[in-house]
Amino acid sequence: MCFSAEASFAGGVIILAIGVATVTKVHKPSQLIFACIPLFFGLQQITEGFLWISYPLSEHYYLQKFATYIFLIMADVLWPTLIPISVLLMELNKKKRKYLWILFGIGSSLSLYYASCLIMFHVTPQIECYHIHYVNDFPKPMSMIATLIYLIATIPPLFISSIKRTHILGILMASSCLVTAIFFTQYLTSVWCFFAALISGVIYWILRDSKREFKFKKLKELEQLVKDKIHSL
């Protein structure tokens, strides 16, 4: 996240609180992973907060390394798989599920690629102009391809889904990625994760309305059942 350790910690705590509230809106087991996305983003921002406070201090070298790799595991390994699978689990449309399975496969492959890069290569965080730049020696020819695959795995599922209002989340995610790519190119990983963390609050809105509709539907079904019993007497 940009700005400072204080901003990372404050943002992380707020997003965690939203995440807890979002989980309370789950009314189907298939929604649980989707509901946990703000929780993961909140933890990710707090992790980067620890990176901020440990960065200039040599005695906190191991904390810096730990925070760096936890952040990047979540950013590069977790999200390409978690986003498509969270939407896939909620999807009931068979045709859409086929597309989502494909995107899940693409995202999982990318997650494996990034996991192997984090094991085999080096990553060094650098703080520049109030932003964190994760300098790495991953294979350069794969850099743009991996970024493109990342976008394919994380954004289209939100448009493919038939769940109400996930397309709004997709629009916000795509817009924030575009803004980050234009104005914060070198800090794409850190800054876009910050924007995505804030945007993940939309998930609360999606599940809140879904729960309301679910309760209303159940109420109507109960009302109809009562009417049928009265008529049968």
Protein backbone atom coordinates (compact mmCIF):
# COMPACT_ATOMS: atom_id res chain seq x y z
CA MET A 1 0.00 0.00 0.00
CA CYS A 2 1.15 3.56 -0.62
CA PHE A 3 1.60 6.42 1.87
CA SER A 4 2.76 4.94 5.21
CA ALA A 5 2.66 2.17 7.80
CA GLU A 6 -0.11 4.00 9.63
CA ALA A 7 -2.23 4.11 6.47
CA SER A 8 -1.61 0.40 5.84
CA PHE A 9 -2.57 -0.60 9.38
CA ALA A 10 -5.62 1.69 9.49
CA GLY A 11 -6.80 0.55 6.06
CA GLY A 12 -6.22 -3.08 6.97
CA VAL A 13 -8.22 -2.84 10.20
CA ILE A 14 -11.13 -1.09 8.47
CA ILE A 15 -11.20 -3.66 5.67
CA LEU A 16 -11.00 -6.49 8.22
CA ALA A 17 -14.04 -5.03 9.99
CA ILE A 18 -15.89 -4.91 6.68
CA GLY A 19 -14.81 -8.50 6.07
CA VAL A 20 -16.24 -9.67 9.40
CA ALA A 21 -19.53 -7.89 8.61
CA THR A 22 -19.53 -9.46 5.14
CA VAL A 23 -19.15 -12.99 6.51
CA THR A 24 -22.27 -12.44 8.64
CA LYS A 25 -24.25 -11.94 5.41
CA VAL A 26 -23.46 -15.44 4.15
CA HIS A 27 -26.58 -17.58 3.85
CA LYS A 28 -25.21 -20.33 1.61
CA PRO A 29 -21.97 -22.32 2.12
CA SER A 30 -21.04 -21.57 -1.50
CA GLN A 31 -20.73 -17.85 -0.62
CA LEU A 32 -18.16 -18.27 2.13
CA ILE A 33 -14.97 -17.91 0.07
CA PHE A 34 -16.39 -14.89 -1.77
CA ALA A 35 -17.33 -13.33 1.58
CA CYS A 36 -13.82 -13.88 2.96
CA ILE A 37 -12.16 -11.82 0.21
CA PRO A 38 -12.26 -8.55 2.24
CA LEU A 39 -10.75 -10.44 5.21
CA PHE A 40 -7.83 -11.59 3.07
CA PHE A 41 -7.34 -8.09 1.67
CA GLY A 42 -7.37 -6.64 5.18
CA LEU A 43 -4.70 -9.10 6.33
CA GLN A 44 -2.67 -8.31 3.22
CA GLN A 45 -2.69 -4.58 3.98
CA ILE A 46 -1.68 -5.17 7.60
CA THR A 47 1.17 -7.37 6.37
CA GLU A 48 2.42 -4.53 4.20
CA GLY A 49 2.18 -2.26 7.24
CA PHE A 50 4.75 -4.47 8.97
CA LEU A 51 6.91 -4.20 5.87
CA TRP A 52 6.81 -0.40 6.16
CA ILE A 53 7.98 -0.38 9.79
CA SER A 54 10.65 -3.05 9.27
CA TYR A 55 12.08 -1.70 6.00
CA PRO A 56 14.69 0.81 7.26
CA LEU A 57 15.83 -1.31 10.24
CA SER A 58 18.50 -3.97 9.68
CA GLU A 59 17.62 -5.69 12.97
CA HIS A 60 14.15 -6.38 11.53
CA TYR A 61 15.50 -8.02 8.38
CA TYR A 62 13.64 -11.29 8.94
CA LEU A 63 10.36 -9.51 9.67
CA GLN A 64 10.85 -7.57 6.42
CA LYS A 65 11.43 -10.78 4.47
CA PHE A 66 8.47 -12.50 6.11
CA ALA A 67 6.13 -9.57 5.40
CA THR A 68 7.39 -9.28 1.82
CA TYR A 69 6.76 -12.91 0.97
CA ILE A 70 3.41 -13.12 2.77
CA PHE A 71 2.23 -10.06 0.85
CA LEU A 72 3.42 -11.44 -2.49
CA ILE A 73 2.04 -14.92 -1.83
CA MET A 74 -1.37 -13.33 -1.32
CA ALA A 75 -1.01 -10.91 -4.25
CA ASP A 76 0.52 -13.26 -6.82
CA VAL A 77 -0.38 -16.78 -5.70
CA LEU A 78 -3.69 -16.46 -3.84
CA TRP A 79 -5.74 -14.00 -5.90
CA PRO A 80 -5.46 -15.58 -9.39
CA THR A 81 -6.99 -18.76 -7.97
CA LEU A 82 -9.26 -17.38 -5.25
CA ILE A 83 -11.20 -14.89 -7.38
CA PRO A 84 -12.39 -17.35 -10.07
CA ILE A 85 -13.10 -20.19 -7.60
CA SER A 86 -15.09 -17.89 -5.29
CA VAL A 87 -17.35 -16.91 -8.19
CA LEU A 88 -17.47 -20.45 -9.60
CA LEU A 89 -18.77 -21.90 -6.33
CA MET A 90 -21.73 -19.50 -6.32
CA GLU A 91 -22.60 -19.93 -10.00
CA LEU A 92 -25.62 -22.08 -10.91
CA ASN A 93 -25.68 -21.53 -14.68
CA LYS A 94 -24.03 -24.56 -16.30
CA LYS A 95 -22.73 -22.69 -19.35
CA LYS A 96 -21.19 -19.95 -17.22
CA ARG A 97 -19.67 -22.55 -14.92
CA LYS A 98 -17.77 -24.01 -17.89
CA TYR A 99 -16.16 -20.65 -18.63
CA LEU A 100 -15.39 -20.13 -14.96
CA TRP A 101 -13.73 -23.55 -14.75
CA ILE A 102 -11.46 -22.50 -17.62
CA LEU A 103 -10.54 -19.25 -15.87
CA PHE A 104 -9.96 -21.15 -12.63
CA GLY A 105 -7.56 -23.44 -14.50
CA ILE A 106 -5.75 -20.43 -15.99
CA GLY A 107 -5.53 -18.74 -12.60
CA SER A 108 -4.30 -21.90 -10.87
CA SER A 109 -1.56 -22.33 -13.47
CA LEU A 110 -0.46 -18.74 -12.94
CA SER A 111 -0.46 -19.25 -9.17
CA LEU A 112 1.87 -22.22 -9.60
CA TYR A 113 4.14 -20.14 -11.85
CA TYR A 114 4.36 -17.29 -9.33
CA ALA A 115 4.87 -19.73 -6.46
CA SER A 116 7.83 -21.28 -8.28
CA CYS A 117 9.25 -17.81 -9.01
CA LEU A 118 9.03 -16.84 -5.34
CA ILE A 119 10.92 -20.02 -4.46
CA MET A 120 13.58 -19.84 -7.17
CA PHE A 121 14.23 -16.10 -7.52
CA HIS A 122 14.79 -13.08 -5.28
CA VAL A 123 12.48 -10.25 -4.32
CA THR A 124 13.61 -7.03 -2.66
CA PRO A 125 11.18 -4.33 -1.49
CA GLN A 126 12.14 -0.71 -2.08
CA ILE A 127 10.28 2.32 -0.78
CA GLU A 128 10.22 5.09 -3.37
CA CYS A 129 8.07 8.25 -3.28
CA TYR A 130 5.73 6.82 -0.62
CA HIS A 131 5.16 3.61 -2.58
CA ILE A 132 6.58 0.12 -2.26
CA HIS A 133 8.29 -1.31 -5.32
CA TYR A 134 8.85 -5.07 -5.23
CA VAL A 135 12.03 -5.51 -7.28
CA ASN A 136 12.47 -9.09 -8.50
CA ASP A 137 14.55 -11.09 -10.94
CA PHE A 138 11.67 -13.18 -12.31
CA PRO A 139 12.08 -14.14 -16.01
CA LYS A 140 11.63 -10.87 -17.91
CA PRO A 141 10.14 -12.40 -21.12
CA MET A 142 7.29 -13.78 -18.99
CA SER A 143 6.55 -10.56 -17.13
CA MET A 144 3.99 -9.02 -19.51
CA ILE A 145 2.45 -12.40 -20.34
CA ALA A 146 2.02 -13.21 -16.64
CA THR A 147 0.42 -9.81 -16.00
CA LEU A 148 -2.03 -10.32 -18.88
CA ILE A 149 -2.94 -13.81 -17.62
CA TYR A 150 -3.39 -12.36 -14.13
CA LEU A 151 -5.94 -9.87 -15.44
CA ILE A 152 -7.74 -12.59 -17.42
CA ALA A 153 -7.99 -14.79 -14.33
CA THR A 154 -9.17 -12.13 -11.88
CA ILE A 155 -11.45 -9.69 -13.74
CA PRO A 156 -13.57 -11.60 -16.36
CA PRO A 157 -15.06 -13.98 -13.73
CA LEU A 158 -16.83 -11.00 -12.19
CA PHE A 159 -18.46 -10.18 -15.54
CA ILE A 160 -19.28 -13.78 -16.44
CA SER A 161 -21.02 -14.45 -13.12
CA SER A 162 -24.81 -14.32 -13.06
CA ILE A 163 -24.74 -13.21 -9.41
CA LYS A 164 -26.31 -9.77 -9.16
CA ARG A 165 -23.94 -6.80 -9.09
CA THR A 166 -20.68 -8.72 -9.41
CA HIS A 167 -20.24 -6.86 -12.71
CA ILE A 168 -20.06 -3.62 -10.69
CA LEU A 169 -17.19 -5.10 -8.71
CA GLY A 170 -15.60 -6.10 -12.03
CA ILE A 171 -15.92 -2.58 -13.44
CA LEU A 172 -14.34 -1.07 -10.33
CA MET A 173 -11.51 -3.61 -10.33
CA ALA A 174 -10.78 -3.04 -14.02
CA SER A 175 -10.92 0.74 -13.64
CA SER A 176 -8.60 0.74 -10.64
CA CYS A 177 -6.15 -1.50 -12.51
CA LEU A 178 -6.16 0.90 -15.47
CA VAL A 179 -5.55 3.91 -13.23
CA THR A 180 -2.75 2.09 -11.42
CA ALA A 181 -1.12 0.95 -14.66
CA ILE A 182 -1.14 4.52 -16.03
CA PHE A 183 -0.07 6.47 -12.96
CA PHE A 184 1.73 3.93 -10.75
CA THR A 185 3.28 1.52 -13.27
CA GLN A 186 6.30 0.54 -11.18
CA TYR A 187 4.19 0.01 -8.08
CA LEU A 188 1.38 -1.97 -9.73
CA THR A 189 1.39 -4.85 -7.25
CA SER A 190 1.23 -2.68 -4.14
CA VAL A 191 -1.06 0.12 -5.33
CA TRP A 192 -3.59 -2.07 -7.17
CA CYS A 193 -3.88 -4.35 -4.13
CA PHE A 194 -4.67 -1.22 -2.10
CA PHE A 195 -7.41 -0.15 -4.51
CA ALA A 196 -8.74 -3.70 -4.73
CA ALA A 197 -8.84 -3.91 -0.94
CA LEU A 198 -11.02 -0.79 -0.74
CA ILE A 199 -13.22 -1.99 -3.59
CA SER A 200 -13.73 -5.37 -1.90
CA GLY A 201 -16.17 -3.60 0.40
CA VAL A 202 -18.64 -3.90 -2.49
CA ILE A 203 -18.80 -7.62 -1.66
CA TYR A 204 -20.60 -6.70 1.57
CA TRP A 205 -23.25 -4.88 -0.47
CA ILE A 206 -23.62 -7.82 -2.90
CA LEU A 207 -24.10 -10.40 -0.14
CA ARG A 208 -26.25 -8.13 2.01
CA ASP A 209 -28.76 -7.70 -0.82
CA SER A 210 -28.52 -11.38 -1.69
CA LYS A 211 -29.40 -12.31 1.89
CA ARG A 212 -32.36 -9.90 1.87
CA GLU A 213 -33.67 -11.43 -1.34
CA PHE A 214 -33.16 -14.91 0.08
CA LYS A 215 -35.16 -14.06 3.21
CA PHE A 216 -37.91 -12.43 1.14
CA LYS A 217 -38.13 -15.50 -1.10
CA LYS A 218 -38.37 -17.80 1.91
CA LEU A 219 -41.07 -15.59 3.43
CA LYS A 220 -43.10 -15.72 0.21
CA GLU A 221 -42.70 -19.50 0.08
CA LEU A 222 -43.88 -19.79 3.69
CA GLU A 223 -46.81 -17.50 2.95
CA GLN A 224 -47.78 -19.61 -0.05
CA LEU A 225 -47.49 -22.79 2.01
CA VAL A 226 -49.83 -21.37 4.65
CA LYS A 227 -52.35 -20.36 1.96
CA ASP A 228 -52.23 -23.82 0.41
CA LYS A 229 -52.90 -25.46 3.76
CA ILE A 230 -55.82 -23.12 4.47
CA HIS A 231 -57.35 -23.91 1.08
CA SER A 232 -56.90 -27.64 1.66
CA LEU A 233 -58.95 -27.51 4.88
